[in-house]
C-alpha atoms as a PDB file:
ATOM      1  CA  MET A   1     158.401 276.133 126.790  1.00  0.00           C
ATOM      2  CA  ASN A   2     158.256 272.970 129.517  1.00  0.00           C
ATOM      3  CA  ARG A   3     160.159 275.074 132.002  1.00  0.00           C
ATOM      4  CA  VAL A   4     158.037 277.989 131.969  1.00  0.00           C
ATOM      5  CA  PRO A   5     155.328 278.070 134.615  1.00  0.00           C
ATOM      6  CA  ALA A   6     152.024 277.024 133.651  1.00  0.00           C
ATOM      7  CA  PRO A   7     150.343 279.741 134.822  1.00  0.00           C
ATOM      8  CA  LEU A   8     152.487 282.533 132.659  1.00  0.00           C
ATOM      9  CA  LEU A   9     151.633 280.490 130.028  1.00  0.00           C
ATOM     10  CA  ILE A  10     147.640 281.380 130.206  1.00  0.00           C
ATOM     11  CA  LEU A  11     148.765 284.838 130.770  1.00  0.00           C
ATOM     12  CA  THR A  12     150.575 285.254 127.962  1.00  0.00           C
ATOM     13  CA  ALA A  13     148.221 283.524 125.783  1.00  0.00           C
ATOM     14  CA  ALA A  14     145.561 286.480 127.344  1.00  0.00           C
ATOM     15  CA  VAL A  15     147.860 289.087 126.637  1.00  0.00           C
ATOM     16  CA  LEU A  16     148.148 287.790 123.046  1.00  0.00           C
ATOM     17  CA  TRP A  17     144.345 287.473 122.438  1.00  0.00           C
ATOM     18  CA  GLY A  18     144.174 290.678 124.166  1.00  0.00           C
ATOM     19  CA  LEU A  19     145.764 292.246 121.072  1.00  0.00           C
ATOM     20  CA  LEU A  20     143.596 290.954 118.452  1.00  0.00           C
ATOM     21  CA  GLY A  21     141.409 294.280 118.557  1.00  0.00           C
ATOM     22  CA  ILE A  22     144.192 296.499 118.792  1.00  0.00           C
ATOM     23  CA  LEU A  23     145.913 294.754 116.128  1.00  0.00           C
ATOM     24  CA  GLY A  24     143.113 294.835 113.928  1.00  0.00           C
ATOM     25  CA  LYS A  25     142.408 298.578 114.572  1.00  0.00           C
ATOM     26  CA  GLN A  26     146.086 299.542 113.948  1.00  0.00           C
ATOM     27  CA  ALA A  27     145.911 298.073 110.542  1.00  0.00           C
ATOM     28  CA  GLN A  28     142.643 299.480 109.744  1.00  0.00           C
ATOM     29  CA  ALA A  29     144.053 303.147 110.835  1.00  0.00           C
ATOM     30  CA  ALA A  30     146.442 301.937 107.990  1.00  0.00           C
ATOM     31  CA  GLY A  31     143.663 301.611 105.474  1.00  0.00           C
ATOM     32  CA  ILE A  32     143.579 298.265 105.165  1.00  0.00           C
ATOM     33  CA  ALA A  33     139.452 297.188 105.595  1.00  0.00           C
ATOM     34  CA  PRO A  34     138.390 295.157 107.978  1.00  0.00           C
ATOM     35  CA  LEU A  35     137.251 292.410 105.913  1.00  0.00           C
ATOM     36  CA  GLU A  36     141.149 292.398 104.001  1.00  0.00           C
ATOM     37  CA  VAL A  37     142.422 292.103 107.991  1.00  0.00           C
ATOM     38  CA  ALA A  38     140.590 288.772 109.058  1.00  0.00           C
ATOM     39  CA  PHE A  39     141.379 287.356 105.318  1.00  0.00           C
ATOM     40  CA  TRP A  40     145.115 287.970 105.954  1.00  0.00           C
ATOM     41  CA  ARG A  41     144.640 286.722 109.622  1.00  0.00           C
ATOM     42  CA  ALA A  42     143.202 283.486 108.492  1.00  0.00           C
ATOM     43  CA  ALA A  43     145.414 282.888 105.253  1.00  0.00           C
ATOM     44  CA  LEU A  44     148.781 283.864 106.982  1.00  0.00           C
ATOM     45  CA  ALA A  45     147.841 281.544 110.343  1.00  0.00           C
ATOM     46  CA  GLY A  46     146.288 279.085 108.372  1.00  0.00           C
ATOM     47  CA  GLY A  47     150.001 278.700 106.530  1.00  0.00           C
ATOM     48  CA  LEU A  48     151.721 278.747 109.607  1.00  0.00           C
ATOM     49  CA  TYR A  49     149.259 275.690 110.790  1.00  0.00           C
ATOM     50  CA  ALA A  50     149.770 273.913 108.211  1.00  0.00           C
ATOM     51  CA  LEU A  51     153.521 273.945 108.587  1.00  0.00           C
ATOM     52  CA  HIS A  52     153.034 273.053 111.631  1.00  0.00           C
ATOM     53  CA  ALA A  53     150.977 270.004 110.981  1.00  0.00           C
ATOM     54  CA  ALA A  54     153.169 268.688 108.360  1.00  0.00           C
ATOM     55  CA  VAL A  55     156.021 269.395 110.798  1.00  0.00           C
ATOM     56  CA  ILE A  56     154.114 266.845 113.494  1.00  0.00           C
ATOM     57  CA  ARG A  57     153.295 264.370 110.563  1.00  0.00           C
ATOM     58  CA  ALA A  58     149.661 265.029 112.010  1.00  0.00           C
ATOM     59  CA  PRO A  59     147.018 263.325 109.591  1.00  0.00           C
ATOM     60  CA  LEU A  60     144.210 265.598 108.008  1.00  0.00           C
ATOM     61  CA  PRO A  61     140.725 265.191 108.462  1.00  0.00           C
ATOM     62  CA  ARG A  62     138.873 263.033 105.623  1.00  0.00           C
ATOM     63  CA  GLY A  63     135.932 262.524 104.153  1.00  0.00           C
ATOM     64  CA  ARG A  64     132.766 263.971 106.501  1.00  0.00           C
ATOM     65  CA  ASP A  65     135.478 264.749 109.079  1.00  0.00           C
ATOM     66  CA  LEU A  66     136.583 267.085 105.832  1.00  0.00           C
ATOM     67  CA  LEU A  67     133.282 268.310 104.931  1.00  0.00           C
ATOM     68  CA  VAL A  68     132.328 269.417 108.409  1.00  0.00           C
ATOM     69  CA  THR A  69     136.157 271.386 109.295  1.00  0.00           C
ATOM     70  CA  ALA A  70     135.461 273.002 105.627  1.00  0.00           C
ATOM     71  CA  ALA A  71     132.266 274.174 107.138  1.00  0.00           C
ATOM     72  CA  PHE A  72     133.268 274.938 110.355  1.00  0.00           C
ATOM     73  CA  GLY A  73     135.998 276.791 108.206  1.00  0.00           C
ATOM     74  CA  VAL A  74     133.064 279.095 106.916  1.00  0.00           C
ATOM     75  CA  ALA A  75     131.022 279.767 110.188  1.00  0.00           C
ATOM     76  CA  GLY A  76     134.058 279.972 112.776  1.00  0.00           C
ATOM     77  CA  VAL A  77     136.914 281.694 110.659  1.00  0.00           C
ATOM     78  CA  SER A  78     135.024 283.699 107.643  1.00  0.00           C
ATOM     79  CA  VAL A  79     132.467 284.687 109.504  1.00  0.00           C
ATOM     80  CA  PHE A  80     134.102 285.342 112.744  1.00  0.00           C
ATOM     81  CA  TYR A  81     137.455 286.607 111.488  1.00  0.00           C
ATOM     82  CA  GLY A  82     134.929 288.755 109.676  1.00  0.00           C
ATOM     83  CA  SER A  83     132.477 289.818 111.899  1.00  0.00           C
ATOM     84  CA  TYR A  84     134.868 290.582 114.462  1.00  0.00           C
ATOM     85  CA  GLN A  85     136.926 292.698 112.690  1.00  0.00           C
ATOM     86  CA  LEU A  86     134.131 295.053 111.832  1.00  0.00           C
ATOM     87  CA  ALA A  87     133.048 295.133 115.349  1.00  0.00           C
ATOM     88  CA  VAL A  88     136.547 296.645 116.366  1.00  0.00           C
ATOM     89  CA  ARG A  89     135.457 299.272 113.109  1.00  0.00           C
ATOM     90  CA  ALA A  90     131.987 299.777 114.460  1.00  0.00           C
ATOM     91  CA  GLY A  91     132.150 300.005 117.934  1.00  0.00           C
ATOM     92  CA  GLY A  92     135.911 300.517 118.848  1.00  0.00           C
ATOM     93  CA  ALA A  93     138.474 297.301 120.300  1.00  0.00           C
ATOM     94  CA  SER A  94     137.614 297.448 123.774  1.00  0.00           C
ATOM     95  CA  LEU A  95     133.458 296.710 122.578  1.00  0.00           C
ATOM     96  CA  ALA A  96     134.713 294.254 120.710  1.00  0.00           C
ATOM     97  CA  SER A  97     137.082 292.436 123.089  1.00  0.00           C
ATOM     98  CA  VAL A  98     133.661 292.208 125.700  1.00  0.00           C
ATOM     99  CA  LEU A  99     131.358 291.256 123.371  1.00  0.00           C
ATOM    100  CA  LEU A 100     133.289 287.803 122.532  1.00  0.00           C
ATOM    101  CA  TYR A 101     133.216 286.732 126.061  1.00  0.00           C
ATOM    102  CA  THR A 102     129.090 286.268 125.476  1.00  0.00           C
ATOM    103  CA  ALA A 103     130.646 283.039 123.786  1.00  0.00           C
ATOM    104  CA  PRO A 104     130.059 280.762 126.961  1.00  0.00           C
ATOM    105  CA  ALA A 105     126.460 281.943 127.174  1.00  0.00           C
ATOM    106  CA  PHE A 106     126.082 280.960 123.823  1.00  0.00           C
ATOM    107  CA  VAL A 107     127.493 277.649 124.371  1.00  0.00           C
ATOM    108  CA  ALA A 108     125.065 276.982 127.120  1.00  0.00           C
ATOM    109  CA  LEU A 109     122.327 277.982 124.748  1.00  0.00           C
ATOM    110  CA  ILE A 110     123.259 275.814 122.353  1.00  0.00           C
ATOM    111  CA  GLY A 111     123.830 272.856 124.264  1.00  0.00           C
ATOM    112  CA  TRP A 112     120.409 273.117 125.196  1.00  0.00           C
ATOM    113  CA  ALA A 113     118.759 273.532 121.978  1.00  0.00           C
ATOM    114  CA  ALA A 114     120.921 270.859 120.524  1.00  0.00           C
ATOM    115  CA  TRP A 115     121.313 268.052 122.819  1.00  0.00           C
ATOM    116  CA  ARG A 116     119.063 268.829 125.596  1.00  0.00           C
ATOM    117  CA  GLU A 117     121.769 270.014 128.353  1.00  0.00           C
ATOM    118  CA  ARG A 118     120.496 270.679 131.506  1.00  0.00           C
ATOM    119  CA  LEU A 119     120.120 274.456 132.140  1.00  0.00           C
ATOM    120  CA  GLY A 120     120.637 274.456 135.684  1.00  0.00           C
ATOM    121  CA  GLY A 121     120.705 277.456 138.074  1.00  0.00           C
ATOM    122  CA  ARG A 122     124.285 277.903 137.451  1.00  0.00           C
ATOM    123  CA  GLU A 123     123.697 278.349 133.452  1.00  0.00           C
ATOM    124  CA  ALA A 124     120.757 280.355 134.028  1.00  0.00           C
ATOM    125  CA  LEU A 125     122.562 283.343 135.765  1.00  0.00           C
ATOM    126  CA  ALA A 126     125.622 283.057 133.716  1.00  0.00           C
ATOM    127  CA  ILE A 127     123.019 283.940 130.839  1.00  0.00           C
ATOM    128  CA  GLY A 128     120.919 286.471 132.799  1.00  0.00           C
ATOM    129  CA  GLY A 129     123.972 288.245 133.754  1.00  0.00           C
ATOM    130  CA  THR A 130     125.615 288.218 129.967  1.00  0.00           C
ATOM    131  CA  LEU A 131     121.980 289.888 128.777  1.00  0.00           C
ATOM    132  CA  GLY A 132     122.360 292.189 131.945  1.00  0.00           C
ATOM    133  CA  GLY A 133     125.336 293.230 131.046  1.00  0.00           C
ATOM    134  CA  ILE A 134     124.800 293.451 127.293  1.00  0.00           C
ATOM    135  CA  GLY A 135     121.846 295.971 128.127  1.00  0.00           C
ATOM    136  CA  LEU A 136     124.029 298.564 130.473  1.00  0.00           C
ATOM    137  CA  ILE A 137     127.170 298.408 127.692  1.00  0.00           C
ATOM    138  CA  SER A 138     124.023 299.629 125.475  1.00  0.00           C
ATOM    139  CA  LEU A 139     123.071 301.833 127.598  1.00  0.00           C
ATOM    140  CA  GLY A 140     126.707 302.935 128.687  1.00  0.00           C
ATOM    141  CA  GLY A 141     128.946 303.895 125.964  1.00  0.00           C
ATOM    142  CA  GLY A 142     131.884 306.094 126.272  1.00  0.00           C
ATOM    143  CA  GLN A 143     134.668 308.099 124.995  1.00  0.00           C
ATOM    144  CA  GLY A 144     136.131 306.624 121.938  1.00  0.00           C
ATOM    145  CA  VAL A 145     133.371 303.572 122.844  1.00  0.00           C
ATOM    146  CA  THR A 146     130.593 303.623 119.449  1.00  0.00           C
ATOM    147  CA  VAL A 147     127.981 301.775 120.854  1.00  0.00           C
ATOM    148  CA  SER A 148     125.213 301.156 118.151  1.00  0.00           C
ATOM    149  CA  PRO A 149     123.060 298.213 116.738  1.00  0.00           C
ATOM    150  CA  ALA A 150     125.699 297.664 114.137  1.00  0.00           C
ATOM    151  CA  ALA A 151     128.672 297.459 116.791  1.00  0.00           C
ATOM    152  CA  LEU A 152     126.004 295.203 118.956  1.00  0.00           C
ATOM    153  CA  GLY A 153     125.356 293.134 116.274  1.00  0.00           C
ATOM    154  CA  LEU A 154     129.091 292.458 114.820  1.00  0.00           C
ATOM    155  CA  GLY A 155     129.687 292.003 118.066  1.00  0.00           C
ATOM    156  CA  LEU A 156     127.332 289.450 119.174  1.00  0.00           C
ATOM    157  CA  THR A 157     128.086 287.797 116.084  1.00  0.00           C
ATOM    158  CA  ALA A 158     131.448 287.467 116.850  1.00  0.00           C
ATOM    159  CA  GLY A 159     130.437 285.835 120.054  1.00  0.00           C
ATOM    160  CA  PHE A 160     128.146 282.964 118.763  1.00  0.00           C
ATOM    161  CA  THR A 161     130.423 282.113 115.849  1.00  0.00           C
ATOM    162  CA  TYR A 162     133.443 281.804 118.532  1.00  0.00           C
ATOM    163  CA  SER A 163     131.541 279.594 120.432  1.00  0.00           C
ATOM    164  CA  LEU A 164     131.710 277.185 117.541  1.00  0.00           C
ATOM    165  CA  TYR A 165     134.708 276.707 118.388  1.00  0.00           C
ATOM    166  CA  TYR A 166     133.924 274.601 121.529  1.00  0.00           C
ATOM    167  CA  ILE A 167     131.110 272.835 119.842  1.00  0.00           C
ATOM    168  CA  TYR A 168     133.350 271.606 116.582  1.00  0.00           C
ATOM    169  CA  GLY A 169     136.318 271.059 119.554  1.00  0.00           C
ATOM    170  CA  ARG A 170     134.182 268.802 121.641  1.00  0.00           C
ATOM    171  CA  ALA A 171     133.901 266.604 118.466  1.00  0.00           C
ATOM    172  CA  PHE A 172     136.822 267.174 116.881  1.00  0.00           C
ATOM    173  CA  PHE A 173     140.153 267.823 118.821  1.00  0.00           C
ATOM    174  CA  ASP A 174     140.205 264.577 120.854  1.00  0.00           C
ATOM    175  CA  ARG A 175     140.311 262.915 117.029  1.00  0.00           C
ATOM    176  CA  TYR A 176     142.821 265.224 115.147  1.00  0.00           C
ATOM    177  CA  ALA A 177     145.516 267.523 116.265  1.00  0.00           C
ATOM    178  CA  PRO A 178     144.154 270.790 116.490  1.00  0.00           C
ATOM    179  CA  PRO A 179     147.291 272.142 114.143  1.00  0.00           C
ATOM    180  CA  ALA A 180     145.706 269.770 111.389  1.00  0.00           C
ATOM    181  CA  LEU A 181     142.228 270.602 111.667  1.00  0.00           C
ATOM    182  CA  LEU A 182     143.237 274.456 111.771  1.00  0.00           C
ATOM    183  CA  ALA A 183     145.325 274.022 108.691  1.00  0.00           C
ATOM    184  CA  VAL A 184     142.071 272.961 106.676  1.00  0.00           C
ATOM    185  CA  ALA A 185     139.704 275.227 108.471  1.00  0.00           C
ATOM    186  CA  LEU A 186     141.452 278.606 108.637  1.00  0.00           C
ATOM    187  CA  PRO A 187     142.394 278.346 104.410  1.00  0.00           C
ATOM    188  CA  VAL A 188     138.882 277.974 104.011  1.00  0.00           C
ATOM    189  CA  GLY A 189     138.088 280.778 105.550  1.00  0.00           C
ATOM    190  CA  ALA A 190     140.387 282.718 103.912  1.00  0.00           C
ATOM    191  CA  ALA A 191     139.232 281.519 100.298  1.00  0.00           C
ATOM    192  CA  CYS A 192     135.579 282.250 101.583  1.00  0.00           C
ATOM    193  CA  LEU A 193     136.345 285.871 102.140  1.00  0.00           C
ATOM    194  CA  LEU A 194     138.096 286.480  99.729  1.00  0.00           C
ATOM    195  CA  PRO A 195     135.393 286.932  97.192  1.00  0.00           C
ATOM    196  CA  PHE A 196     134.548 289.932  99.932  1.00  0.00           C
ATOM    197  CA  VAL A 197     138.054 291.914  99.932  1.00  0.00           C
ATOM    198  CA  THR A 198     139.010 294.615  97.785  1.00  0.00           C
ATOM    199  CA  PHE A 199     143.419 294.477  98.648  1.00  0.00           C
ATOM    200  CA  SER A 200     145.053 297.871  98.997  1.00  0.00           C
ATOM    201  CA  ALA A 201     148.237 298.881  99.155  1.00  0.00           C
ATOM    202  CA  LYS A 202     150.009 298.393 102.644  1.00  0.00           C
ATOM    203  CA  THR A 203     153.397 300.256 104.437  1.00  0.00           C
ATOM    204  CA  ALA A 204     155.644 297.978 106.382  1.00  0.00           C
ATOM    205  CA  PRO A 205     153.701 299.057 109.631  1.00  0.00           C
ATOM    206  CA  ALA A 206     150.772 298.065 108.205  1.00  0.00           C
ATOM    207  CA  TRP A 207     152.281 294.369 106.955  1.00  0.00           C
ATOM    208  CA  GLY A 208     153.639 294.321 110.601  1.00  0.00           C
ATOM    209  CA  SER A 209     150.404 294.371 112.345  1.00  0.00           C
ATOM    210  CA  LEU A 210     148.641 291.521 109.860  1.00  0.00           C
ATOM    211  CA  ILE A 211     151.911 289.467 110.679  1.00  0.00           C
ATOM    212  CA  ALA A 212     151.930 290.086 114.619  1.00  0.00           C
ATOM    213  CA  LEU A 213     147.969 289.696 113.827  1.00  0.00           C
ATOM    214  CA  SER A 214     148.488 286.495 112.868  1.00  0.00           C
ATOM    215  CA  PHE A 215     151.555 284.742 114.342  1.00  0.00           C
ATOM    216  CA  PHE A 216     151.293 286.327 117.541  1.00  0.00           C
ATOM    217  CA  SER A 217     147.503 286.636 117.871  1.00  0.00           C
ATOM    218  CA  THR A 218     145.937 283.685 116.512  1.00  0.00           C
ATOM    219  CA  TYR A 219     149.524 280.920 115.731  1.00  0.00           C
ATOM    220  CA  LEU A 220     151.266 281.327 118.694  1.00  0.00           C
ATOM    221  CA  ALA A 221     148.828 282.377 121.548  1.00  0.00           C
ATOM    222  CA  TYR A 222     147.348 279.096 120.625  1.00  0.00           C
ATOM    223  CA  LEU A 223     150.548 276.785 121.391  1.00  0.00           C
ATOM    224  CA  VAL A 224     151.163 279.006 124.471  1.00  0.00           C
ATOM    225  CA  TYR A 225     147.276 278.158 125.908  1.00  0.00           C
ATOM    226  CA  SER A 226     147.706 274.712 124.732  1.00  0.00           C
ATOM    227  CA  ALA A 227     151.424 274.345 126.871  1.00  0.00           C
ATOM    228  CA  GLY A 228     149.790 275.545 129.485  1.00  0.00           C
ATOM    229  CA  LEU A 229     146.945 273.843 129.674  1.00  0.00           C
ATOM    230  CA  ARG A 230     149.143 270.395 129.896  1.00  0.00           C
ATOM    231  CA  ARG A 231     149.932 271.542 133.006  1.00  0.00           C
ATOM    232  CA  LEU A 232     146.997 273.557 134.343  1.00  0.00           C
ATOM    233  CA  ASN A 233     143.376 272.313 135.093  1.00  0.00           C
ATOM    234  CA  ALA A 234     141.284 273.962 132.788  1.00  0.00           C
ATOM    235  CA  THR A 235     139.259 276.184 135.272  1.00  0.00           C
ATOM    236  CA  ARG A 236     142.280 277.853 136.179  1.00  0.00           C
ATOM    237  CA  ALA A 237     143.027 278.578 132.497  1.00  0.00           C
ATOM    238  CA  SER A 238     139.794 279.615 132.139  1.00  0.00           C
ATOM    239  CA  VAL A 239     140.112 282.012 134.700  1.00  0.00           C
ATOM    240  CA  ILE A 240     143.271 283.567 134.001  1.00  0.00           C
ATOM    241  CA  ALA A 241     142.582 283.579 130.193  1.00  0.00           C
ATOM    242  CA  SER A 242     139.746 285.809 130.845  1.00  0.00           C
ATOM    243  CA  LEU A 243     141.654 288.850 131.466  1.00  0.00           C
ATOM    244  CA  GLU A 244     141.742 288.805 127.832  1.00  0.00           C
ATOM    245  CA  PRO A 245     139.399 291.672 127.580  1.00  0.00           C
ATOM    246  CA  VAL A 246     141.150 293.528 130.988  1.00  0.00           C
ATOM    247  CA  VAL A 247     144.143 293.836 128.291  1.00  0.00           C
ATOM    248  CA  ALA A 248     141.992 294.905 125.062  1.00  0.00           C
ATOM    249  CA  ALA A 249     140.531 297.474 127.395  1.00  0.00           C
ATOM    250  CA  ALA A 250     143.531 299.157 128.474  1.00  0.00           C
ATOM    251  CA  LEU A 251     145.235 299.118 125.870  1.00  0.00           C
ATOM    252  CA  ALA A 252     142.302 300.556 123.566  1.00  0.00           C
ATOM    253  CA  ALA A 253     142.430 303.400 126.354  1.00  0.00           C
ATOM    254  CA  ALA A 254     146.448 303.719 126.172  1.00  0.00           C
ATOM    255  CA  LEU A 255     146.329 303.826 122.610  1.00  0.00           C
ATOM    256  CA  PHE A 256     143.484 304.804 121.102  1.00  0.00           C
ATOM    257  CA  GLY A 257     141.762 307.278 124.021  1.00  0.00           C
ATOM    258  CA  GLU A 258     138.509 303.964 124.285  1.00  0.00           C
ATOM    259  CA  ARG A 259     137.302 305.195 127.776  1.00  0.00           C
ATOM    260  CA  PRO A 260     134.287 303.077 128.548  1.00  0.00           C
ATOM    261  CA  ALA A 261     131.596 304.871 130.943  1.00  0.00           C
ATOM    262  CA  PRO A 262     131.017 303.511 134.628  1.00  0.00           C
ATOM    263  CA  LEU A 263     127.625 301.987 133.484  1.00  0.00           C
ATOM    264  CA  ALA A 264     129.647 299.816 130.345  1.00  0.00           C
ATOM    265  CA  LEU A 265     132.211 299.044 132.306  1.00  0.00           C
ATOM    266  CA  LEU A 266     129.679 297.750 134.936  1.00  0.00           C
ATOM    267  CA  GLY A 267     128.000 295.604 132.140  1.00  0.00           C
ATOM    268  CA  ALA A 268     131.395 294.376 130.758  1.00  0.00           C
ATOM    269  CA  ALA A 269     131.836 293.029 134.049  1.00  0.00           C
ATOM    270  CA  LEU A 270     128.428 291.200 134.431  1.00  0.00           C
ATOM    271  CA  VAL A 271     129.668 289.822 130.994  1.00  0.00           C
ATOM    272  CA  ILE A 272     133.107 288.405 131.882  1.00  0.00           C
ATOM    273  CA  GLY A 273     131.416 287.693 135.140  1.00  0.00           C
ATOM    274  CA  ALA A 274     129.204 285.099 133.804  1.00  0.00           C
ATOM    275  CA  ALA A 275     132.100 283.633 131.429  1.00  0.00           C
ATOM    276  CA  LEU A 276     134.214 283.166 134.382  1.00  0.00           C
ATOM    277  CA  LEU A 277     130.807 281.692 136.083  1.00  0.00           C
ATOM    278  CA  LEU A 278     130.454 278.957 133.368  1.00  0.00           C
ATOM    279  CA  SER A 279     134.112 278.484 133.346  1.00  0.00           C
ATOM    280  CA  LEU A 280     133.569 277.362 137.261  1.00  0.00           C
ATOM    281  CA  GLN A 281     132.327 274.154 135.945  1.00  0.00           C
ATOM    282  CA  PRO A 282     133.849 271.161 134.859  1.00  0.00           C
ATOM    283  CA  ALA A 283     135.504 272.696 131.372  1.00  0.00           C
ATOM    284  CA  GLU A 284     136.636 271.367 127.993  1.00  0.00           C
ATOM    285  CA  LYS A 285     139.431 269.457 127.865  1.00  0.00           C
ATOM    286  CA  HIS A 286     140.670 271.201 124.968  1.00  0.00           C
ATOM    287  CA  PRO A 287     140.924 275.050 124.543  1.00  0.00           C
ATOM    288  CA  PRO A 288     139.148 277.180 122.027  1.00  0.00           C
ATOM    289  CA  VAL A 289     141.358 278.999 119.449  1.00  0.00           C
ATOM    290  CA  GLU A 290     140.569 282.804 118.866  1.00  0.00           C
END
C-alpha cells in the first residue's frame, strides 16, 4: 500500500465503511435477521484479525487488559454491531450511518464526565449542532426513511457504543497491536450475540453480503485507513473519512430508494459538520475501527 497516495487510502476506507449499512440491508433482505448479520460480521472479521495477529506475531492482551478487552467486546462489538444492524432495519441505511456520526459528541461528553476534560466553545458548539441535527432528522423523515423512536434510539445506541472505540483505543492502541486486540474483542462480541441469534438458511448472495461486510467493511477498511494514517495527519484523515455517510446515503438512494427530506438532510449536515468540527482539534493517534 506504500505506493498508493494516503488520501486515496482514507477515501477507500470511507467508501468501505459506507457500505456497512448497504451490505447489512442486503443481507437482511435475503432473510437474515439483523442480529445474525451482526454475529457473522463479528465472527468472520474476528477470525481474520486473529489470523493477522498470528502472522505478525502480535502478543494478545493478558490479565486485567484481557478482561477490559473482553468487556469492550461486549459493549463495543455485541451492542454496537447489533444496534447498528437493528437501526438499519428500523430506519434505513442512510439514517443509521448519519446517527453513527454522533460518536464524536459522545466522546466529548464522556471525556468531560469521566476525566473532567474541558468542554470549550468548540465542543459545546459541536454537541449543540449534533442535538439540533438529530432534532431536524426527527422532524424530516423522507422516502424510504423511517424516523421512529426505535430507529433513533438504536442509531444513537450505535453512535454511543461506537464512541467507545475512541475511549478504549486511547488506553490500549499504544500498548498492543490493534489486530491483536480485535482478535479478542470480536470473538467475544460474537459469542455474546450468539444466544440471541436464530440461524437461517442462506443463499449464495446472502453469504456474499456477509463475507463482504466482514472482509471489506470491517477488516480491510481498518487496514487501509491505518496505512493512510501513517502518512497523513489525523485531522485530514478524519475530514476525508467523514464522506462515509455521504457514500452510504448515495448508495441507499440508488439501491433502495432512500431519500431523506430536505429538513432531514439539513439535520444530517449538522451532525456531520459537528463531527468535522471536533476532528479539527488535535485528534487521536489511532483511528476508530468500525
